[in-house]
Amino acid sequence: MKYSTSLKLNHIFRRLYHTSGFADSNLVLYARKNRTPENRVGITVSKKLGKAHVRNRTRRRLREVYRLNEAKFRPGWDIVVVARSKAVDAEFSQLTKSYLTLAKKAGLLREGAQP
């Protein structure tokens, strides 16, 4: 991730969970402005979705979706993406579409960037 860092602190995750999120059948996205010139991205995959290799694969796929589309995002946001059960079996293109659609609803995409 060129313009972003990973979100690792628990209190920031909890703070984001108390904001209003945007959801579809694959993902839930929470976002909040931060006071830095870069985005901080966190990904959550519950143990309910499968064993460790399934959760890690889902996490890697979501990280890759963000990496490929990072230039479309406005800087200065904390973003947490929570995978739902359908995200485990979803096609990569479907995950990309869900991610970008939710980001557009949240106002995270730059002007002129298409989901």
Protein backbone atom coordinates (compact mmCIF):
# COMPACT_ATOMS: atom_id res chain seq x y z
CA MET A 1 0.00 0.00 0.00
CA LYS A 2 1.71 3.08 -1.30
CA TYR A 3 -0.26 5.89 0.33
CA SER A 4 -1.69 3.99 3.28
CA THR A 5 -0.76 2.19 6.44
CA SER A 6 -2.30 -0.72 8.22
CA LEU A 7 -4.70 -0.10 11.08
CA LYS A 8 -3.72 -2.21 14.07
CA LEU A 9 -4.78 -0.43 17.26
CA ASN A 10 -7.83 -1.89 18.97
CA HIS A 11 -9.16 1.43 20.28
CA ILE A 12 -9.28 2.84 16.75
CA PHE A 13 -11.20 -0.21 15.52
CA ARG A 14 -13.68 0.21 18.38
CA ARG A 15 -14.05 3.92 17.64
CA LEU A 16 -14.87 3.16 14.02
CA TYR A 17 -17.42 0.49 14.92
CA HIS A 18 -19.46 3.21 16.65
CA THR A 19 -19.82 5.20 13.44
CA SER A 20 -22.56 4.50 10.96
CA GLY A 21 -21.38 1.91 8.47
CA PHE A 22 -22.29 1.00 4.93
CA ALA A 23 -23.12 -2.60 4.11
CA ASP A 24 -24.02 -5.01 1.36
CA SER A 25 -24.17 -8.79 1.17
CA ASN A 26 -20.35 -9.20 1.09
CA LEU A 27 -18.87 -6.43 3.21
CA VAL A 28 -19.46 -3.78 5.85
CA LEU A 29 -17.39 -0.60 5.61
CA TYR A 30 -16.81 1.87 8.44
CA ALA A 31 -14.97 5.14 7.78
CA ARG A 32 -13.96 8.20 9.74
CA LYS A 33 -11.68 11.14 8.98
CA ASN A 34 -8.29 11.11 10.64
CA ARG A 35 -5.82 13.96 11.03
CA THR A 36 -3.09 12.49 8.88
CA PRO A 37 -2.37 12.86 5.15
CA GLU A 38 -2.74 9.11 4.57
CA ASN A 39 -5.38 6.44 4.90
CA ARG A 40 -5.24 3.77 7.57
CA VAL A 41 -6.96 0.55 6.54
CA GLY A 42 -8.04 -2.33 8.78
CA ILE A 43 -9.67 -5.60 7.78
CA THR A 44 -11.73 -7.80 10.08
CA VAL A 45 -12.65 -11.41 9.33
CA SER A 46 -14.52 -13.30 12.05
CA LYS A 47 -13.73 -16.84 13.19
CA LYS A 48 -17.29 -17.71 12.19
CA LEU A 49 -16.28 -17.51 8.53
CA GLY A 50 -13.88 -20.44 8.59
CA LYS A 51 -10.53 -21.78 9.65
CA ALA A 52 -7.37 -19.70 9.66
CA HIS A 53 -6.42 -20.33 6.03
CA VAL A 54 -9.90 -19.26 4.87
CA ARG A 55 -9.80 -16.07 6.96
CA ASN A 56 -6.27 -15.24 5.82
CA ARG A 57 -7.18 -15.74 2.16
CA THR A 58 -10.19 -13.47 2.54
CA ARG A 59 -8.04 -10.87 4.28
CA ARG A 60 -5.40 -11.03 1.52
CA ARG A 61 -8.03 -10.63 -1.19
CA LEU A 62 -9.55 -7.56 0.50
CA ARG A 63 -6.10 -6.04 0.97
CA GLU A 64 -5.39 -6.59 -2.73
CA VAL A 65 -8.68 -4.93 -3.74
CA TYR A 66 -7.64 -1.84 -1.80
CA ARG A 67 -4.07 -1.92 -3.16
CA LEU A 68 -5.22 -2.05 -6.78
CA ASN A 69 -7.70 0.81 -6.31
CA GLU A 70 -5.76 2.91 -3.81
CA ALA A 71 -5.36 5.88 -6.16
CA LYS A 72 -9.18 6.27 -6.29
CA PHE A 73 -9.43 6.93 -2.53
CA ARG A 74 -9.23 10.34 -0.90
CA PRO A 75 -6.44 10.65 1.68
CA GLY A 76 -7.02 11.25 5.39
CA TRP A 77 -9.44 8.47 6.36
CA ASP A 78 -9.52 5.55 8.77
CA ILE A 79 -11.25 2.65 7.04
CA VAL A 80 -12.33 -0.67 8.52
CA VAL A 81 -13.75 -3.39 6.27
CA VAL A 82 -15.60 -6.32 7.86
CA ALA A 83 -16.04 -9.43 5.73
CA ARG A 84 -19.40 -11.17 5.77
CA SER A 85 -19.92 -14.88 5.10
CA LYS A 86 -20.60 -14.39 1.37
CA ALA A 87 -17.20 -12.69 0.94
CA VAL A 88 -15.40 -16.00 1.50
CA ASP A 89 -16.81 -17.55 -1.69
CA ALA A 90 -17.24 -14.37 -3.73
CA GLU A 91 -15.40 -13.78 -6.99
CA PHE A 92 -12.60 -11.21 -6.87
CA SER A 93 -14.50 -8.93 -9.27
CA GLN A 94 -17.54 -9.12 -7.01
CA LEU A 95 -15.45 -8.14 -3.97
CA THR A 96 -13.96 -5.24 -5.91
CA LYS A 97 -17.39 -4.00 -6.94
CA SER A 98 -18.71 -4.26 -3.36
CA TYR A 99 -15.68 -2.49 -1.89
CA LEU A 100 -15.80 0.42 -4.34
CA THR A 101 -19.58 0.80 -4.16
CA LEU A 102 -19.44 1.04 -0.37
CA ALA A 103 -16.51 3.46 -0.55
CA LYS A 104 -18.51 5.67 -2.91
CA LYS A 105 -21.50 5.63 -0.53
CA ALA A 106 -19.17 6.63 2.32
CA GLY A 107 -17.69 9.48 0.26
CA LEU A 108 -14.19 8.02 0.19
CA LEU A 109 -13.59 8.12 -3.55
CA ARG A 110 -11.99 11.03 -5.38
CA GLU A 111 -14.02 13.14 -7.79
CA GLY A 112 -14.41 11.40 -11.12
CA ALA A 113 -13.34 7.98 -9.79
CA GLN A 114 -15.76 5.29 -10.92
CA PRO A 115 -16.54 2.25 -8.73
